[in-house]
N, C-alpha and C. Protein backbone atom coordinates (compact mmCIF):
# COMPACT_ATOMS: atom_id res chain seq x y z
N MET A 1 -0.36 75.82 -7.45
CA MET A 1 0.68 74.83 -7.63
C MET A 1 1.04 74.17 -6.29
N ARG A 2 1.13 75.02 -5.23
CA ARG A 2 1.42 74.47 -3.90
C ARG A 2 0.35 73.50 -3.44
N LYS A 3 -0.91 73.85 -3.72
CA LYS A 3 -2.03 73.01 -3.32
C LYS A 3 -1.94 71.64 -4.02
N ILE A 4 -1.59 71.63 -5.29
CA ILE A 4 -1.47 70.38 -6.03
C ILE A 4 -0.35 69.53 -5.46
N LEU A 5 0.81 70.15 -5.16
CA LEU A 5 1.92 69.41 -4.58
C LEU A 5 1.57 68.86 -3.21
N LEU A 6 0.86 69.66 -2.40
CA LEU A 6 0.46 69.21 -1.08
C LEU A 6 -0.49 68.02 -1.17
N VAL A 7 -1.49 68.12 -2.03
CA VAL A 7 -2.45 67.04 -2.21
C VAL A 7 -1.75 65.80 -2.77
N GLY A 8 -0.88 66.00 -3.76
CA GLY A 8 -0.13 64.90 -4.34
C GLY A 8 0.75 64.22 -3.30
N GLY A 9 1.40 65.00 -2.46
CA GLY A 9 2.24 64.45 -1.39
C GLY A 9 1.43 63.66 -0.39
N LEU A 10 0.24 64.16 -0.06
CA LEU A 10 -0.65 63.48 0.87
C LEU A 10 -1.11 62.14 0.29
N VAL A 11 -1.43 62.11 -0.98
CA VAL A 11 -1.84 60.87 -1.63
C VAL A 11 -0.72 59.84 -1.56
N VAL A 12 0.51 60.27 -1.81
CA VAL A 12 1.65 59.36 -1.75
C VAL A 12 1.82 58.81 -0.34
N VAL A 13 1.73 59.67 0.68
CA VAL A 13 1.87 59.22 2.07
C VAL A 13 0.79 58.21 2.43
N VAL A 14 -0.45 58.48 2.07
CA VAL A 14 -1.55 57.56 2.35
C VAL A 14 -1.33 56.23 1.64
N ALA A 15 -0.87 56.26 0.40
CA ALA A 15 -0.62 55.03 -0.36
C ALA A 15 0.48 54.21 0.29
N VAL A 16 1.53 54.87 0.76
CA VAL A 16 2.63 54.15 1.41
C VAL A 16 2.15 53.51 2.71
N ILE A 17 1.42 54.26 3.51
CA ILE A 17 0.91 53.72 4.78
C ILE A 17 -0.04 52.56 4.52
N ALA A 18 -0.93 52.71 3.56
CA ALA A 18 -1.87 51.63 3.24
C ALA A 18 -1.10 50.39 2.78
N GLY A 19 -0.06 50.58 2.00
CA GLY A 19 0.76 49.46 1.51
C GLY A 19 1.42 48.70 2.64
N LEU A 20 1.77 49.38 3.72
CA LEU A 20 2.39 48.72 4.86
C LEU A 20 1.43 47.77 5.56
N PHE A 21 0.15 48.05 5.49
CA PHE A 21 -0.82 47.25 6.22
C PHE A 21 -1.51 46.20 5.37
N VAL A 22 -1.47 46.30 4.06
CA VAL A 22 -2.17 45.35 3.21
C VAL A 22 -1.70 43.94 3.46
N GLY A 23 -0.40 43.70 3.58
CA GLY A 23 0.12 42.35 3.78
C GLY A 23 -0.28 41.75 5.11
N ARG A 24 -0.63 42.58 6.09
CA ARG A 24 -1.00 42.09 7.42
C ARG A 24 -2.51 41.99 7.59
N HIS A 25 -3.27 42.60 6.71
CA HIS A 25 -4.73 42.57 6.80
C HIS A 25 -5.22 41.15 6.56
N PRO A 26 -6.18 40.67 7.37
CA PRO A 26 -6.63 39.29 7.24
C PRO A 26 -7.05 38.91 5.82
N GLY A 27 -7.58 39.83 5.05
CA GLY A 27 -8.00 39.51 3.70
C GLY A 27 -6.98 39.92 2.67
N GLY A 28 -5.79 40.35 3.12
CA GLY A 28 -4.76 40.85 2.21
C GLY A 28 -4.15 39.75 1.36
N PRO A 29 -3.13 40.08 0.60
CA PRO A 29 -2.51 39.10 -0.29
C PRO A 29 -1.71 38.04 0.49
N ARG A 30 -1.36 37.00 -0.22
CA ARG A 30 -0.54 35.93 0.37
C ARG A 30 0.87 36.46 0.64
N PRO A 31 1.53 35.95 1.67
CA PRO A 31 2.93 36.32 1.90
C PRO A 31 3.80 35.88 0.72
N ALA A 32 4.93 36.53 0.55
CA ALA A 32 5.82 36.25 -0.59
C ALA A 32 6.29 34.80 -0.58
N ASP A 33 6.60 34.23 0.60
CA ASP A 33 7.09 32.85 0.62
C ASP A 33 5.99 31.86 0.24
N GLU A 34 4.74 32.15 0.58
CA GLU A 34 3.64 31.28 0.18
C GLU A 34 3.44 31.36 -1.33
N THR A 35 3.49 32.56 -1.87
CA THR A 35 3.35 32.74 -3.32
C THR A 35 4.46 31.99 -4.05
N ALA A 36 5.69 32.10 -3.56
CA ALA A 36 6.82 31.39 -4.17
C ALA A 36 6.63 29.87 -4.06
N PHE A 37 6.12 29.40 -2.92
CA PHE A 37 5.86 27.98 -2.74
C PHE A 37 4.84 27.50 -3.77
N ILE A 38 3.73 28.20 -3.90
CA ILE A 38 2.68 27.81 -4.85
C ILE A 38 3.22 27.85 -6.29
N ASN A 39 3.95 28.90 -6.62
CA ASN A 39 4.53 29.00 -7.97
C ASN A 39 5.50 27.86 -8.25
N GLY A 40 6.24 27.43 -7.24
CA GLY A 40 7.16 26.31 -7.40
C GLY A 40 6.45 24.96 -7.46
N MET A 41 5.36 24.83 -6.70
CA MET A 41 4.63 23.56 -6.64
C MET A 41 3.75 23.33 -7.86
N THR A 42 3.25 24.38 -8.47
CA THR A 42 2.29 24.24 -9.57
C THR A 42 2.82 23.35 -10.71
N PRO A 43 4.01 23.62 -11.26
CA PRO A 43 4.47 22.74 -12.34
C PRO A 43 4.80 21.32 -11.86
N ILE A 44 5.23 21.19 -10.61
CA ILE A 44 5.53 19.86 -10.07
C ILE A 44 4.25 19.05 -9.95
N MET A 45 3.20 19.66 -9.39
CA MET A 45 1.93 18.96 -9.23
C MET A 45 1.33 18.59 -10.59
N ALA A 46 1.48 19.45 -11.58
CA ALA A 46 0.97 19.14 -12.91
C ALA A 46 1.70 17.92 -13.49
N GLN A 47 2.97 17.80 -13.24
CA GLN A 47 3.78 16.71 -13.79
C GLN A 47 3.48 15.37 -13.13
N VAL A 48 3.19 15.37 -11.83
CA VAL A 48 3.07 14.10 -11.10
C VAL A 48 1.64 13.58 -10.96
N GLN A 49 0.66 14.27 -11.47
CA GLN A 49 -0.72 13.81 -11.32
C GLN A 49 -0.99 12.50 -12.06
N ASP A 50 -0.25 12.24 -13.12
CA ASP A 50 -0.34 10.95 -13.81
C ASP A 50 1.01 10.28 -13.68
N PRO A 51 1.19 9.44 -12.64
CA PRO A 51 2.51 8.90 -12.36
C PRO A 51 3.04 7.91 -13.40
N ALA A 52 2.20 7.44 -14.29
CA ALA A 52 2.68 6.48 -15.31
C ALA A 52 3.75 7.17 -16.16
N GLY A 53 4.92 6.58 -16.17
CA GLY A 53 6.01 7.14 -16.97
C GLY A 53 6.71 8.33 -16.33
N THR A 54 6.28 8.72 -15.11
CA THR A 54 6.90 9.86 -14.43
C THR A 54 7.89 9.32 -13.39
N ASP A 55 9.07 9.87 -13.38
CA ASP A 55 10.08 9.50 -12.39
C ASP A 55 9.79 10.28 -11.10
N LEU A 56 8.95 9.69 -10.24
CA LEU A 56 8.52 10.38 -9.02
C LEU A 56 9.70 10.73 -8.12
N ALA A 57 10.69 9.86 -8.04
CA ALA A 57 11.85 10.14 -7.18
C ALA A 57 12.57 11.40 -7.63
N SER A 58 12.72 11.57 -8.93
CA SER A 58 13.38 12.77 -9.46
C SER A 58 12.56 14.02 -9.16
N TRP A 59 11.26 13.92 -9.36
CA TRP A 59 10.39 15.07 -9.08
C TRP A 59 10.34 15.37 -7.58
N ARG A 60 10.41 14.33 -6.75
CA ARG A 60 10.41 14.53 -5.30
C ARG A 60 11.67 15.29 -4.88
N GLN A 61 12.79 14.95 -5.49
CA GLN A 61 14.04 15.65 -5.19
C GLN A 61 13.97 17.11 -5.65
N LYS A 62 13.38 17.35 -6.82
CA LYS A 62 13.21 18.73 -7.32
C LYS A 62 12.31 19.52 -6.36
N ARG A 63 11.25 18.85 -5.88
CA ARG A 63 10.34 19.52 -4.95
C ARG A 63 11.06 19.87 -3.66
N ALA A 64 11.83 18.95 -3.13
CA ALA A 64 12.56 19.21 -1.88
C ALA A 64 13.51 20.39 -2.04
N THR A 65 14.21 20.45 -3.16
CA THR A 65 15.12 21.56 -3.42
C THR A 65 14.37 22.88 -3.44
N MET A 66 13.24 22.91 -4.15
CA MET A 66 12.42 24.13 -4.23
C MET A 66 11.93 24.53 -2.85
N ILE A 67 11.44 23.57 -2.07
CA ILE A 67 10.91 23.90 -0.74
C ILE A 67 12.01 24.47 0.15
N CYS A 68 13.18 23.86 0.13
CA CYS A 68 14.28 24.37 0.97
C CYS A 68 14.72 25.77 0.56
N GLN A 69 14.55 26.12 -0.70
CA GLN A 69 14.88 27.47 -1.16
C GLN A 69 13.83 28.48 -0.71
N VAL A 70 12.59 28.04 -0.60
CA VAL A 70 11.48 28.95 -0.28
C VAL A 70 11.23 29.04 1.23
N ILE A 71 11.23 27.92 1.92
CA ILE A 71 10.94 27.88 3.35
C ILE A 71 12.26 27.64 4.07
N THR A 72 12.93 28.71 4.42
CA THR A 72 14.30 28.61 4.93
C THR A 72 14.39 28.46 6.44
N ASN A 73 13.28 28.68 7.17
CA ASN A 73 13.37 28.66 8.64
C ASN A 73 12.39 27.70 9.31
N LEU A 74 11.83 26.77 8.54
CA LEU A 74 10.87 25.79 9.06
C LEU A 74 9.66 26.45 9.72
N GLN A 75 9.27 27.59 9.21
CA GLN A 75 8.10 28.31 9.70
C GLN A 75 7.24 28.75 8.52
N VAL A 76 5.95 28.75 8.71
CA VAL A 76 5.05 29.46 7.80
C VAL A 76 4.36 30.52 8.65
N THR A 77 4.27 31.72 8.11
CA THR A 77 3.70 32.83 8.87
C THR A 77 2.67 33.55 8.02
N ASP A 78 1.46 33.60 8.54
CA ASP A 78 0.34 34.30 7.90
C ASP A 78 0.01 33.78 6.50
N TRP A 79 0.17 32.47 6.30
CA TRP A 79 -0.22 31.88 5.02
C TRP A 79 -1.74 31.81 4.96
N ILE A 80 -2.27 31.78 3.76
CA ILE A 80 -3.72 31.71 3.54
C ILE A 80 -4.06 30.36 2.93
N GLY A 81 -5.10 29.74 3.47
CA GLY A 81 -5.52 28.45 2.93
C GLY A 81 -6.98 28.19 3.22
N THR A 82 -7.43 27.02 2.82
CA THR A 82 -8.81 26.61 3.01
C THR A 82 -8.83 25.37 3.89
N VAL A 83 -9.65 25.39 4.93
CA VAL A 83 -9.75 24.24 5.83
C VAL A 83 -10.19 23.04 4.99
N ASP A 84 -9.38 21.99 5.02
CA ASP A 84 -9.64 20.79 4.23
C ASP A 84 -10.13 19.63 5.10
N ARG A 85 -9.69 19.62 6.36
CA ARG A 85 -10.09 18.54 7.26
C ARG A 85 -10.14 19.06 8.69
N LEU A 86 -11.19 18.68 9.40
CA LEU A 86 -11.33 18.91 10.83
C LEU A 86 -11.80 17.60 11.44
N ASP A 87 -11.05 17.10 12.40
CA ASP A 87 -11.37 15.81 12.99
C ASP A 87 -10.82 15.78 14.40
N SER A 88 -11.04 14.69 15.09
CA SER A 88 -10.45 14.55 16.42
C SER A 88 -9.76 13.20 16.51
N SER A 89 -8.76 13.16 17.38
CA SER A 89 -8.03 11.91 17.57
C SER A 89 -8.69 11.12 18.68
N ILE A 90 -8.33 9.87 18.78
CA ILE A 90 -8.84 9.02 19.85
C ILE A 90 -8.39 9.55 21.21
N ALA A 91 -7.26 10.28 21.22
CA ALA A 91 -6.73 10.85 22.45
C ALA A 91 -7.40 12.18 22.81
N GLY A 92 -8.25 12.69 21.91
CA GLY A 92 -8.99 13.91 22.21
C GLY A 92 -8.47 15.18 21.57
N GLY A 93 -7.30 15.16 21.00
CA GLY A 93 -6.78 16.36 20.33
C GLY A 93 -7.40 16.52 18.96
N ALA A 94 -7.34 17.74 18.46
CA ALA A 94 -7.90 18.03 17.14
C ALA A 94 -6.88 17.73 16.05
N ILE A 95 -7.39 17.22 14.94
CA ILE A 95 -6.62 16.97 13.72
C ILE A 95 -7.16 17.94 12.69
N MET A 96 -6.24 18.59 11.97
CA MET A 96 -6.66 19.61 11.01
C MET A 96 -5.70 19.66 9.84
N SER A 97 -6.22 19.92 8.65
CA SER A 97 -5.36 20.21 7.51
C SER A 97 -5.93 21.38 6.73
N VAL A 98 -5.02 22.11 6.10
CA VAL A 98 -5.37 23.34 5.37
C VAL A 98 -4.76 23.24 3.98
N ALA A 99 -5.58 23.37 2.96
CA ALA A 99 -5.11 23.35 1.57
C ALA A 99 -4.62 24.74 1.19
N VAL A 100 -3.37 24.83 0.72
CA VAL A 100 -2.86 26.11 0.23
C VAL A 100 -3.00 26.20 -1.28
N MET A 101 -3.24 25.06 -1.91
CA MET A 101 -3.54 24.95 -3.32
C MET A 101 -4.18 23.58 -3.50
N PRO A 102 -4.79 23.29 -4.64
CA PRO A 102 -5.41 21.97 -4.80
C PRO A 102 -4.42 20.84 -4.55
N ASP A 103 -4.83 19.90 -3.72
CA ASP A 103 -4.07 18.68 -3.41
C ASP A 103 -2.79 18.90 -2.62
N VAL A 104 -2.58 20.08 -2.04
CA VAL A 104 -1.38 20.35 -1.24
C VAL A 104 -1.83 20.94 0.09
N ASP A 105 -1.62 20.16 1.16
CA ASP A 105 -2.09 20.55 2.49
C ASP A 105 -0.94 20.71 3.48
N PHE A 106 -1.19 21.55 4.46
CA PHE A 106 -0.35 21.67 5.65
C PHE A 106 -1.26 21.30 6.81
N GLY A 107 -0.80 20.43 7.71
CA GLY A 107 -1.69 20.04 8.79
C GLY A 107 -1.01 19.19 9.85
N THR A 108 -1.80 18.85 10.84
CA THR A 108 -1.34 18.03 11.95
C THR A 108 -1.09 16.60 11.49
N ALA A 109 -0.43 15.84 12.33
CA ALA A 109 -0.33 14.40 12.09
C ALA A 109 -1.76 13.85 12.03
N THR A 110 -1.92 12.73 11.38
CA THR A 110 -3.27 12.21 11.18
C THR A 110 -3.64 11.07 12.12
N ASN A 111 -2.68 10.59 12.90
CA ASN A 111 -2.98 9.51 13.83
C ASN A 111 -2.07 9.62 15.05
N LEU A 112 -2.43 8.89 16.08
CA LEU A 112 -1.74 8.96 17.36
C LEU A 112 -0.27 8.56 17.25
N VAL A 113 0.03 7.53 16.49
CA VAL A 113 1.42 7.07 16.36
C VAL A 113 2.27 8.15 15.68
N SER A 114 1.77 8.71 14.58
CA SER A 114 2.51 9.77 13.87
C SER A 114 2.68 11.01 14.74
N ASN A 115 1.69 11.27 15.56
CA ASN A 115 1.74 12.46 16.41
C ASN A 115 2.77 12.35 17.52
N MET A 116 3.19 11.14 17.86
CA MET A 116 4.14 10.97 18.96
C MET A 116 5.45 11.70 18.69
N SER A 117 5.89 11.75 17.44
CA SER A 117 7.16 12.41 17.14
C SER A 117 7.02 13.90 16.89
N SER A 118 5.83 14.35 16.49
CA SER A 118 5.67 15.77 16.15
C SER A 118 4.84 16.57 17.16
N ASP A 119 3.99 15.90 17.92
CA ASP A 119 3.14 16.57 18.90
C ASP A 119 2.38 17.74 18.27
N THR A 120 1.64 17.44 17.19
CA THR A 120 0.93 18.50 16.46
C THR A 120 -0.57 18.54 16.73
N PHE A 121 -1.13 17.51 17.38
CA PHE A 121 -2.57 17.57 17.69
C PHE A 121 -2.85 18.84 18.48
N ILE A 122 -3.99 19.44 18.24
CA ILE A 122 -4.36 20.68 18.92
C ILE A 122 -5.12 20.32 20.18
N GLU A 123 -4.56 20.71 21.31
CA GLU A 123 -5.10 20.31 22.62
C GLU A 123 -6.44 20.98 22.92
N PRO A 124 -7.39 20.21 23.47
CA PRO A 124 -8.74 20.72 23.75
C PRO A 124 -8.77 21.94 24.67
N ALA A 125 -7.81 22.07 25.58
CA ALA A 125 -7.83 23.20 26.53
C ALA A 125 -7.21 24.47 25.93
N SER A 126 -6.72 24.40 24.71
CA SER A 126 -6.01 25.56 24.14
C SER A 126 -6.95 26.55 23.46
N ALA A 127 -6.49 27.79 23.37
CA ALA A 127 -7.23 28.83 22.66
C ALA A 127 -7.34 28.47 21.17
N LEU A 128 -6.32 27.81 20.64
CA LEU A 128 -6.34 27.41 19.24
C LEU A 128 -7.46 26.40 18.97
N PHE A 129 -7.68 25.49 19.92
CA PHE A 129 -8.77 24.52 19.80
C PHE A 129 -10.12 25.25 19.74
N HIS A 130 -10.28 26.24 20.61
CA HIS A 130 -11.52 27.02 20.59
C HIS A 130 -11.72 27.69 19.23
N THR A 131 -10.64 28.26 18.68
CA THR A 131 -10.73 28.92 17.38
C THR A 131 -11.16 27.93 16.30
N ILE A 132 -10.51 26.77 16.25
CA ILE A 132 -10.86 25.84 15.18
C ILE A 132 -12.22 25.17 15.38
N SER A 133 -12.71 25.17 16.62
CA SER A 133 -14.04 24.59 16.86
C SER A 133 -15.12 25.42 16.19
N LEU A 134 -14.81 26.65 15.82
CA LEU A 134 -15.77 27.53 15.16
C LEU A 134 -15.63 27.50 13.64
N LEU A 135 -14.65 26.75 13.13
CA LEU A 135 -14.39 26.70 11.70
C LEU A 135 -15.21 25.60 11.02
N GLN A 136 -15.28 25.69 9.70
CA GLN A 136 -15.93 24.67 8.89
C GLN A 136 -15.00 24.28 7.75
N VAL A 137 -15.11 23.05 7.30
CA VAL A 137 -14.37 22.63 6.11
C VAL A 137 -14.80 23.54 4.97
N GLY A 138 -13.83 24.00 4.20
CA GLY A 138 -14.10 24.91 3.09
C GLY A 138 -13.91 26.37 3.43
N GLN A 139 -13.70 26.66 4.71
CA GLN A 139 -13.55 28.05 5.15
C GLN A 139 -12.11 28.52 4.93
N LYS A 140 -11.96 29.77 4.49
CA LYS A 140 -10.64 30.38 4.30
C LYS A 140 -10.12 30.86 5.65
N ILE A 141 -8.81 30.62 5.87
CA ILE A 141 -8.17 31.06 7.10
C ILE A 141 -6.78 31.60 6.79
N ARG A 142 -6.23 32.31 7.74
CA ARG A 142 -4.82 32.70 7.74
C ARG A 142 -4.19 31.90 8.88
N PHE A 143 -3.04 31.27 8.60
CA PHE A 143 -2.44 30.43 9.63
C PHE A 143 -0.92 30.60 9.68
N SER A 144 -0.37 30.27 10.83
CA SER A 144 1.07 30.22 11.03
C SER A 144 1.38 28.91 11.73
N GLY A 145 2.62 28.43 11.54
CA GLY A 145 2.97 27.19 12.20
C GLY A 145 4.43 26.81 12.04
N GLN A 146 4.81 25.83 12.84
CA GLN A 146 6.15 25.27 12.85
C GLN A 146 6.17 24.03 11.98
N LEU A 147 7.16 23.91 11.11
CA LEU A 147 7.34 22.74 10.26
C LEU A 147 8.49 21.91 10.82
N PHE A 148 8.71 20.73 10.26
CA PHE A 148 9.72 19.81 10.76
C PHE A 148 10.65 19.42 9.62
N ALA A 149 11.94 19.43 9.88
CA ALA A 149 12.92 19.11 8.85
C ALA A 149 12.82 17.65 8.43
N SER A 150 13.11 17.43 7.15
CA SER A 150 13.12 16.08 6.60
C SER A 150 14.24 15.97 5.57
N PRO A 151 15.09 14.95 5.68
CA PRO A 151 16.16 14.81 4.69
C PRO A 151 15.63 14.49 3.29
N GLN A 152 14.47 13.86 3.20
CA GLN A 152 13.94 13.47 1.90
C GLN A 152 13.11 14.58 1.25
N ASP A 153 12.31 15.29 2.03
CA ASP A 153 11.36 16.25 1.47
C ASP A 153 11.62 17.69 1.88
N CYS A 154 12.68 17.95 2.59
CA CYS A 154 13.01 19.26 3.16
C CYS A 154 12.17 19.53 4.40
N ILE A 155 10.85 19.43 4.25
CA ILE A 155 9.95 19.51 5.40
C ILE A 155 9.16 18.20 5.46
N GLN A 156 8.84 17.77 6.68
CA GLN A 156 8.21 16.47 6.88
C GLN A 156 6.89 16.38 6.14
N GLU A 157 6.73 15.28 5.42
CA GLU A 157 5.51 14.99 4.66
C GLU A 157 4.96 13.68 5.18
N ALA A 158 3.64 13.55 5.30
CA ALA A 158 3.03 12.44 6.02
C ALA A 158 2.72 11.18 5.22
N SER A 159 2.76 11.23 3.92
CA SER A 159 2.32 10.08 3.11
C SER A 159 3.24 8.87 3.27
N VAL A 160 2.65 7.70 3.12
CA VAL A 160 3.38 6.45 3.23
C VAL A 160 4.00 6.08 1.88
N THR A 161 3.34 6.41 0.77
CA THR A 161 3.83 6.04 -0.55
C THR A 161 4.39 7.25 -1.30
N ASP A 162 5.26 6.97 -2.28
CA ASP A 162 5.79 8.05 -3.12
C ASP A 162 4.67 8.74 -3.89
N SER A 163 3.74 7.97 -4.45
CA SER A 163 2.67 8.60 -5.22
C SER A 163 1.79 9.47 -4.32
N GLY A 164 1.50 9.01 -3.12
CA GLY A 164 0.72 9.83 -2.19
C GLY A 164 1.45 11.10 -1.82
N SER A 165 2.74 10.98 -1.57
CA SER A 165 3.54 12.14 -1.22
C SER A 165 3.56 13.18 -2.32
N MET A 166 3.60 12.70 -3.55
CA MET A 166 3.73 13.62 -4.68
C MET A 166 2.38 14.13 -5.19
N GLN A 167 1.35 13.31 -5.13
CA GLN A 167 0.05 13.70 -5.69
C GLN A 167 -0.86 14.42 -4.70
N ASN A 168 -0.66 14.18 -3.41
CA ASN A 168 -1.51 14.81 -2.41
C ASN A 168 -0.73 14.95 -1.11
N PRO A 169 0.34 15.77 -1.12
CA PRO A 169 1.17 15.86 0.07
C PRO A 169 0.47 16.55 1.24
N LEU A 170 0.80 16.07 2.43
CA LEU A 170 0.39 16.71 3.68
C LEU A 170 1.67 17.02 4.44
N PHE A 171 2.02 18.31 4.50
CA PHE A 171 3.22 18.72 5.20
C PHE A 171 2.87 18.96 6.67
N ILE A 172 3.53 18.20 7.55
CA ILE A 172 3.21 18.21 8.98
C ILE A 172 3.51 19.59 9.58
N THR A 173 2.51 20.11 10.27
CA THR A 173 2.58 21.47 10.81
C THR A 173 2.07 21.49 12.25
N ARG A 174 2.81 22.15 13.12
CA ARG A 174 2.31 22.45 14.46
C ARG A 174 1.78 23.88 14.39
N PHE A 175 0.47 24.01 14.31
CA PHE A 175 -0.15 25.33 14.16
C PHE A 175 0.12 26.18 15.39
N THR A 176 0.46 27.44 15.16
CA THR A 176 0.67 28.39 16.26
C THR A 176 -0.38 29.49 16.28
N SER A 177 -0.99 29.76 15.13
CA SER A 177 -2.11 30.69 15.09
C SER A 177 -2.99 30.39 13.89
N ILE A 178 -4.27 30.64 14.09
CA ILE A 178 -5.26 30.45 13.03
C ILE A 178 -6.28 31.58 13.16
N THR A 179 -6.55 32.25 12.05
CA THR A 179 -7.52 33.34 12.04
C THR A 179 -8.49 33.12 10.90
N PRO A 180 -9.80 33.01 11.19
CA PRO A 180 -10.77 32.89 10.11
C PRO A 180 -10.75 34.17 9.26
N LEU A 181 -10.91 34.02 7.97
CA LEU A 181 -10.97 35.18 7.08
C LEU A 181 -12.43 35.49 6.77
N PRO A 182 -12.72 36.75 6.49
CA PRO A 182 -14.10 37.11 6.15
C PRO A 182 -14.52 36.38 4.88
N HIS A 183 -15.79 36.04 4.82
CA HIS A 183 -16.31 35.40 3.62
C HIS A 183 -16.27 36.39 2.47
N SER A 184 -15.90 35.91 1.30
CA SER A 184 -15.81 36.77 0.12
C SER A 184 -17.06 36.57 -0.71
N ASP A 185 -17.51 37.65 -1.34
CA ASP A 185 -18.69 37.57 -2.20
C ASP A 185 -18.34 37.12 -3.60
N SER A 186 -17.04 37.04 -3.91
CA SER A 186 -16.65 36.68 -5.28
C SER A 186 -16.47 35.22 -5.44
C-alpha cells in the first residue's frame, strides 16, 4: 500500500512540474490571452467577411471592446503565429507580419511614413533581424511585442479603409522577441 501511495504521489509531482513548463515550451499551447483573442475574433471575422449589409462600424466597436478586455497591457507575450510577410523597407529595416488566425495579423508598419510614429521596423544590426533573416513565410513562430493604443480599435490597426480593417486587420507591433518553432509532422 505504501509503495502504491509513493508511486502515485510521484506521478502527481511529475505531472504538476510538467504542467508548469508546458506553457513555456516553444511547441506548447497558446497563452490564455491569445486563445481569448482568437475566440473573440472568430465570430467577428465570420460576420464581416461579406460586408454587404453588415454594419462595419458597429462590429468594429464590438471588436475594440473585446480587444481591450483581452489585451489589457498593450503587450503580447509568447503568442504563436505563422510568418505571413517578410520584406524590407527602403530605409533598410525589416517589415514583418505574423498571422495568429486566418486574415488577422500582428506586424510592423508597412511603409516608412507609417513607421515614423511607431518605429517598428526591425533594425539590420539587431539580434532580432538576424533571427528573422532565417525565417520563411509560412513558418510557425512564438513572438512577443509591444502594441500601441488606439481610441478607435483599442490597439493600433494599419488599414486605411473600414473594410480592410475588419476583413484583414494588421495590428501594429514592435516585436521584442521571435523564436522559430520546430516543424510539426501533423
